[in-house]
Amino acid sequence: MANVMQRFFGHLHTINKHKRMVMKHCFRLGLYKRGLLHDLSKYSPSEFFVGVKYFRGDVSPNNVQREVEGVASAWMHHKGRNKHHYEYWIDYKKDAECELAGMKMPQEYVLEMFCDRVAASKVYNKEKYTQKDPLAYYKRGEGKYLMHPETVELLEKLLYMLAEEGEDVTFSYIRRDLLGKKE
């Protein structure tokens, strides 16, 4: 029973830590609503209890469930309810029957996705985290993403900027140049 309780509290701690970190990053950009609403579905029974069952602490429980069961039911639930995931924006092409394409994401969700990737890298890499980790994670899936070209362009620009120039420069750029906020 202790193992179940350890997984329960371990998973709860991980999602709380991740949510707080994304909230901090979103607030830093002035995206208060996005920060507050980020990943609330992770607390729903269909996501939370699967997360507890497959919690390991060093990898997403969704990846573990997918490995064990062949599908990640919690992820299917999650991506359909959270607009900061590019998978939410996949639809059929307008003029092509049965051909899927990534739709252009509104900027606020791309920025939340950026914050999400930075926070996830920090949570999973812990003290080994470097500003290059979010880009490295993204690049491992390169060529497999079904994203709109403009979404790719913005996300990659931010990930490369973070990797090369750091968090302060990247967050300042987003606030000033993308969101038009004064420093």
C-alpha atoms as a PDB file:
ATOM      1  CA  MET A   1       0.000   0.000   0.000  1.00  0.00           C
ATOM      2  CA  ALA A   2       2.889   2.354   0.706  1.00  0.00           C
ATOM      3  CA  ASN A   3       3.905   2.033  -2.927  1.00  0.00           C
ATOM      4  CA  VAL A   4       0.472   3.299  -4.063  1.00  0.00           C
ATOM      5  CA  MET A   5       0.630   6.163  -1.584  1.00  0.00           C
ATOM      6  CA  GLN A   6       4.168   7.028  -2.671  1.00  0.00           C
ATOM      7  CA  ARG A   7       3.035   7.104  -6.300  1.00  0.00           C
ATOM      8  CA  PHE A   8      -0.071   9.129  -5.387  1.00  0.00           C
ATOM      9  CA  PHE A   9       1.881  11.821  -3.561  1.00  0.00           C
ATOM     10  CA  GLY A  10       4.799  11.651  -5.975  1.00  0.00           C
ATOM     11  CA  HIS A  11       2.491  12.268  -8.939  1.00  0.00           C
ATOM     12  CA  LEU A  12       0.576  14.996  -7.104  1.00  0.00           C
ATOM     13  CA  HIS A  13       3.853  16.699  -6.164  1.00  0.00           C
ATOM     14  CA  THR A  14       5.121  16.491  -9.766  1.00  0.00           C
ATOM     15  CA  ILE A  15       2.003  17.970 -11.371  1.00  0.00           C
ATOM     16  CA  ASN A  16       1.745  20.663  -8.688  1.00  0.00           C
ATOM     17  CA  LYS A  17       5.399  21.596  -9.177  1.00  0.00           C
ATOM     18  CA  HIS A  18       4.990  21.659 -12.962  1.00  0.00           C
ATOM     19  CA  LYS A  19       1.800  23.709 -12.776  1.00  0.00           C
ATOM     20  CA  ARG A  20       3.381  26.238 -10.396  1.00  0.00           C
ATOM     21  CA  MET A  21       6.414  26.563 -12.667  1.00  0.00           C
ATOM     22  CA  VAL A  22       4.300  27.101 -15.810  1.00  0.00           C
ATOM     23  CA  MET A  23       2.194  29.601 -13.869  1.00  0.00           C
ATOM     24  CA  LYS A  24       5.337  31.473 -12.821  1.00  0.00           C
ATOM     25  CA  HIS A  25       6.567  31.604 -16.421  1.00  0.00           C
ATOM     26  CA  CYS A  26       3.165  32.660 -17.789  1.00  0.00           C
ATOM     27  CA  PHE A  27       2.823  35.341 -15.107  1.00  0.00           C
ATOM     28  CA  ARG A  28       6.294  36.602 -16.015  1.00  0.00           C
ATOM     29  CA  LEU A  29       4.904  37.162 -19.526  1.00  0.00           C
ATOM     30  CA  GLY A  30       1.683  38.738 -18.271  1.00  0.00           C
ATOM     31  CA  LEU A  31      -0.368  35.703 -19.376  1.00  0.00           C
ATOM     32  CA  TYR A  32      -2.205  35.395 -16.074  1.00  0.00           C
ATOM     33  CA  LYS A  33      -5.265  33.514 -17.342  1.00  0.00           C
ATOM     34  CA  ARG A  34      -3.103  30.967 -19.205  1.00  0.00           C
ATOM     35  CA  GLY A  35      -1.018  30.434 -16.072  1.00  0.00           C
ATOM     36  CA  LEU A  36      -4.029  29.922 -13.833  1.00  0.00           C
ATOM     37  CA  LEU A  37      -5.830  27.561 -16.216  1.00  0.00           C
ATOM     38  CA  HIS A  38      -2.770  25.571 -17.263  1.00  0.00           C
ATOM     39  CA  ASP A  39      -3.231  21.776 -17.064  1.00  0.00           C
ATOM     40  CA  LEU A  40      -6.255  21.788 -14.768  1.00  0.00           C
ATOM     41  CA  SER A  41      -7.435  18.586 -16.473  1.00  0.00           C
ATOM     42  CA  LYS A  42      -4.484  16.749 -14.888  1.00  0.00           C
ATOM     43  CA  TYR A  43      -6.501  16.791 -11.652  1.00  0.00           C
ATOM     44  CA  SER A  44      -9.505  15.056 -13.271  1.00  0.00           C
ATOM     45  CA  PRO A  45      -9.954  11.379 -12.334  1.00  0.00           C
ATOM     46  CA  SER A  46      -9.343  10.138 -15.893  1.00  0.00           C
ATOM     47  CA  GLU A  47      -5.911  11.777 -15.960  1.00  0.00           C
ATOM     48  CA  PHE A  48      -4.887  11.834 -12.322  1.00  0.00           C
ATOM     49  CA  PHE A  49      -5.404   8.189 -11.408  1.00  0.00           C
ATOM     50  CA  VAL A  50      -3.699   6.945 -14.573  1.00  0.00           C
ATOM     51  CA  GLY A  51      -0.817   9.240 -13.622  1.00  0.00           C
ATOM     52  CA  VAL A  52      -0.666   7.650 -10.176  1.00  0.00           C
ATOM     53  CA  LYS A  53      -0.738   4.131 -11.616  1.00  0.00           C
ATOM     54  CA  TYR A  54       2.163   4.801 -13.991  1.00  0.00           C
ATOM     55  CA  PHE A  55       4.143   7.328 -11.944  1.00  0.00           C
ATOM     56  CA  ARG A  56       7.924   6.824 -11.893  1.00  0.00           C
ATOM     57  CA  GLY A  57       9.166  10.370 -11.273  1.00  0.00           C
ATOM     58  CA  ASP A  58      11.671  10.589 -14.098  1.00  0.00           C
ATOM     59  CA  VAL A  59       9.383  10.315 -17.135  1.00  0.00           C
ATOM     60  CA  SER A  60       5.814  11.229 -17.987  1.00  0.00           C
ATOM     61  CA  PRO A  61       3.295   8.621 -16.794  1.00  0.00           C
ATOM     62  CA  ASN A  62       1.698   9.018 -20.242  1.00  0.00           C
ATOM     63  CA  ASN A  63       4.831   7.563 -21.843  1.00  0.00           C
ATOM     64  CA  VAL A  64       4.812   4.661 -19.396  1.00  0.00           C
ATOM     65  CA  GLN A  65       1.118   3.922 -20.020  1.00  0.00           C
ATOM     66  CA  ARG A  66       1.686   4.087 -23.787  1.00  0.00           C
ATOM     67  CA  GLU A  67       4.583   1.638 -23.404  1.00  0.00           C
ATOM     68  CA  VAL A  68       2.559  -0.801 -21.287  1.00  0.00           C
ATOM     69  CA  GLU A  69      -0.910  -0.548 -22.851  1.00  0.00           C
ATOM     70  CA  GLY A  70      -0.190   0.684 -26.362  1.00  0.00           C
ATOM     71  CA  VAL A  71      -2.172   3.882 -25.842  1.00  0.00           C
ATOM     72  CA  ALA A  72      -2.104   6.686 -23.290  1.00  0.00           C
ATOM     73  CA  SER A  73      -5.727   7.302 -22.321  1.00  0.00           C
ATOM     74  CA  ALA A  74      -4.791  10.154 -19.976  1.00  0.00           C
ATOM     75  CA  TRP A  75      -2.895  11.874 -22.792  1.00  0.00           C
ATOM     76  CA  MET A  76      -5.841  11.437 -25.192  1.00  0.00           C
ATOM     77  CA  HIS A  77      -8.034  13.149 -22.594  1.00  0.00           C
ATOM     78  CA  HIS A  78      -5.440  15.835 -21.851  1.00  0.00           C
ATOM     79  CA  LYS A  79      -4.587  16.952 -25.384  1.00  0.00           C
ATOM     80  CA  GLY A  80      -8.251  17.309 -26.265  1.00  0.00           C
ATOM     81  CA  ARG A  81      -8.842  19.798 -23.452  1.00  0.00           C
ATOM     82  CA  ASN A  82      -5.688  21.907 -23.399  1.00  0.00           C
ATOM     83  CA  LYS A  83      -5.154  24.360 -26.238  1.00  0.00           C
ATOM     84  CA  HIS A  84      -1.452  24.810 -25.495  1.00  0.00           C
ATOM     85  CA  HIS A  85      -0.792  21.388 -27.039  1.00  0.00           C
ATOM     86  CA  TYR A  86      -0.313  21.475 -30.804  1.00  0.00           C
ATOM     87  CA  GLU A  87      -2.163  18.139 -30.986  1.00  0.00           C
ATOM     88  CA  TYR A  88      -5.330  19.996 -29.950  1.00  0.00           C
ATOM     89  CA  TRP A  89      -5.035  21.953 -33.231  1.00  0.00           C
ATOM     90  CA  ILE A  90      -4.819  19.005 -35.628  1.00  0.00           C
ATOM     91  CA  ASP A  91      -7.738  18.851 -38.037  1.00  0.00           C
ATOM     92  CA  TYR A  92      -8.536  17.775 -41.564  1.00  0.00           C
ATOM     93  CA  LYS A  93      -7.164  19.979 -44.317  1.00  0.00           C
ATOM     94  CA  LYS A  94      -9.804  22.252 -45.763  1.00  0.00           C
ATOM     95  CA  ASP A  95      -9.614  20.945 -49.327  1.00  0.00           C
ATOM     96  CA  ALA A  96      -8.324  17.417 -48.771  1.00  0.00           C
ATOM     97  CA  GLU A  97     -10.437  14.473 -47.735  1.00  0.00           C
ATOM     98  CA  CYS A  98      -8.956  12.488 -44.832  1.00  0.00           C
ATOM     99  CA  GLU A  99      -5.656  14.396 -44.748  1.00  0.00           C
ATOM    100  CA  LEU A 100      -4.673  15.826 -41.384  1.00  0.00           C
ATOM    101  CA  ALA A 101      -2.772  19.059 -40.850  1.00  0.00           C
ATOM    102  CA  GLY A 102      -1.726  21.314 -38.020  1.00  0.00           C
ATOM    103  CA  MET A 103      -3.863  24.436 -37.762  1.00  0.00           C
ATOM    104  CA  LYS A 104      -2.277  27.748 -36.821  1.00  0.00           C
ATOM    105  CA  MET A 105      -2.258  28.161 -33.061  1.00  0.00           C
ATOM    106  CA  PRO A 106      -3.122  31.533 -31.530  1.00  0.00           C
ATOM    107  CA  GLN A 107       0.014  33.183 -30.161  1.00  0.00           C
ATOM    108  CA  GLU A 108      -1.058  32.987 -26.500  1.00  0.00           C
ATOM    109  CA  TYR A 109      -1.230  29.183 -26.703  1.00  0.00           C
ATOM    110  CA  VAL A 110       2.141  28.927 -28.461  1.00  0.00           C
ATOM    111  CA  LEU A 111       3.616  31.018 -25.642  1.00  0.00           C
ATOM    112  CA  GLU A 112       1.967  28.784 -23.045  1.00  0.00           C
ATOM    113  CA  MET A 113       3.336  25.745 -24.923  1.00  0.00           C
ATOM    114  CA  PHE A 114       6.803  27.299 -24.732  1.00  0.00           C
ATOM    115  CA  CYS A 115       6.412  27.859 -20.971  1.00  0.00           C
ATOM    116  CA  ASP A 116       5.124  24.285 -20.630  1.00  0.00           C
ATOM    117  CA  ARG A 117       8.164  22.828 -22.395  1.00  0.00           C
ATOM    118  CA  VAL A 118      10.582  24.872 -20.292  1.00  0.00           C
ATOM    119  CA  ALA A 119       8.841  23.854 -17.064  1.00  0.00           C
ATOM    120  CA  ALA A 120       8.634  20.173 -18.045  1.00  0.00           C
ATOM    121  CA  SER A 121      12.350  20.141 -18.823  1.00  0.00           C
ATOM    122  CA  LYS A 122      13.087  21.685 -15.434  1.00  0.00           C
ATOM    123  CA  VAL A 123      10.839  19.250 -13.567  1.00  0.00           C
ATOM    124  CA  TYR A 124      12.096  16.085 -15.257  1.00  0.00           C
ATOM    125  CA  ASN A 125      15.788  17.057 -15.515  1.00  0.00           C
ATOM    126  CA  LYS A 126      15.857  18.516 -11.999  1.00  0.00           C
ATOM    127  CA  GLU A 127      19.330  19.843 -11.027  1.00  0.00           C
ATOM    128  CA  LYS A 128      20.760  18.701 -14.387  1.00  0.00           C
ATOM    129  CA  TYR A 129      18.544  21.190 -16.274  1.00  0.00           C
ATOM    130  CA  THR A 130      20.210  23.560 -18.732  1.00  0.00           C
ATOM    131  CA  GLN A 131      18.634  26.205 -20.945  1.00  0.00           C
ATOM    132  CA  LYS A 132      19.340  23.921 -23.936  1.00  0.00           C
ATOM    133  CA  ASP A 133      17.135  21.079 -22.649  1.00  0.00           C
ATOM    134  CA  PRO A 134      13.775  22.295 -24.036  1.00  0.00           C
ATOM    135  CA  LEU A 135      15.293  22.640 -27.524  1.00  0.00           C
ATOM    136  CA  ALA A 136      16.998  19.231 -27.266  1.00  0.00           C
ATOM    137  CA  TYR A 137      13.684  17.627 -26.290  1.00  0.00           C
ATOM    138  CA  TYR A 138      11.919  19.350 -29.191  1.00  0.00           C
ATOM    139  CA  LYS A 139      14.623  18.284 -31.655  1.00  0.00           C
ATOM    140  CA  ARG A 140      14.255  14.614 -30.663  1.00  0.00           C
ATOM    141  CA  GLY A 141      10.787  14.732 -32.233  1.00  0.00           C
ATOM    142  CA  GLU A 142      11.688  16.971 -35.164  1.00  0.00           C
ATOM    143  CA  GLY A 143      10.077  15.882 -38.412  1.00  0.00           C
ATOM    144  CA  LYS A 144       7.330  14.048 -36.533  1.00  0.00           C
ATOM    145  CA  TYR A 145       5.277  17.038 -35.407  1.00  0.00           C
ATOM    146  CA  LEU A 146       2.071  17.870 -37.237  1.00  0.00           C
ATOM    147  CA  MET A 147       2.174  21.622 -36.631  1.00  0.00           C
ATOM    148  CA  HIS A 148       1.292  24.625 -38.741  1.00  0.00           C
ATOM    149  CA  PRO A 149       4.452  26.180 -40.239  1.00  0.00           C
ATOM    150  CA  GLU A 150       3.888  29.500 -38.436  1.00  0.00           C
ATOM    151  CA  THR A 151       3.476  27.684 -35.120  1.00  0.00           C
ATOM    152  CA  VAL A 152       6.721  25.786 -35.774  1.00  0.00           C
ATOM    153  CA  GLU A 153       8.498  29.012 -36.709  1.00  0.00           C
ATOM    154  CA  LEU A 154       7.534  30.810 -33.495  1.00  0.00           C
ATOM    155  CA  LEU A 155       8.147  27.859 -31.176  1.00  0.00           C
ATOM    156  CA  GLU A 156      11.544  27.106 -32.722  1.00  0.00           C
ATOM    157  CA  LYS A 157      12.552  30.770 -32.594  1.00  0.00           C
ATOM    158  CA  LEU A 158      11.829  30.863 -28.862  1.00  0.00           C
ATOM    159  CA  LEU A 159      13.491  27.514 -28.117  1.00  0.00           C
ATOM    160  CA  TYR A 160      16.652  28.498 -30.003  1.00  0.00           C
ATOM    161  CA  MET A 161      16.683  31.918 -28.333  1.00  0.00           C
ATOM    162  CA  LEU A 162      16.377  30.271 -24.928  1.00  0.00           C
ATOM    163  CA  ALA A 163      19.174  27.798 -25.731  1.00  0.00           C
ATOM    164  CA  GLU A 164      21.537  30.459 -27.062  1.00  0.00           C
ATOM    165  CA  GLU A 165      20.699  33.599 -25.074  1.00  0.00           C
ATOM    166  CA  GLY A 166      18.982  32.391 -21.899  1.00  0.00           C
ATOM    167  CA  GLU A 167      15.724  32.839 -20.087  1.00  0.00           C
ATOM    168  CA  ASP A 168      15.960  36.559 -19.274  1.00  0.00           C
ATOM    169  CA  VAL A 169      16.581  37.577 -22.895  1.00  0.00           C
ATOM    170  CA  THR A 170      13.884  35.236 -24.233  1.00  0.00           C
ATOM    171  CA  PHE A 171      11.217  36.286 -21.740  1.00  0.00           C
ATOM    172  CA  SER A 172      12.040  39.967 -22.311  1.00  0.00           C
ATOM    173  CA  TYR A 173      11.751  39.458 -26.073  1.00  0.00           C
ATOM    174  CA  ILE A 174       8.347  37.787 -25.684  1.00  0.00           C
ATOM    175  CA  ARG A 175       7.018  40.515 -23.382  1.00  0.00           C
ATOM    176  CA  ARG A 176       8.382  43.418 -25.406  1.00  0.00           C
ATOM    177  CA  ASP A 177       8.265  42.265 -29.034  1.00  0.00           C
ATOM    178  CA  LEU A 178       5.486  39.691 -29.132  1.00  0.00           C
ATOM    179  CA  LEU A 179       3.106  40.958 -26.456  1.00  0.00           C
ATOM    180  CA  GLY A 180       3.940  44.684 -26.646  1.00  0.00           C
ATOM    181  CA  LYS A 181       4.395  45.040 -22.891  1.00  0.00           C
ATOM    182  CA  LYS A 182       6.799  47.487 -21.312  1.00  0.00           C
ATOM    183  CA  GLU A 183       9.652  46.045 -19.269  1.00  0.00           C
END
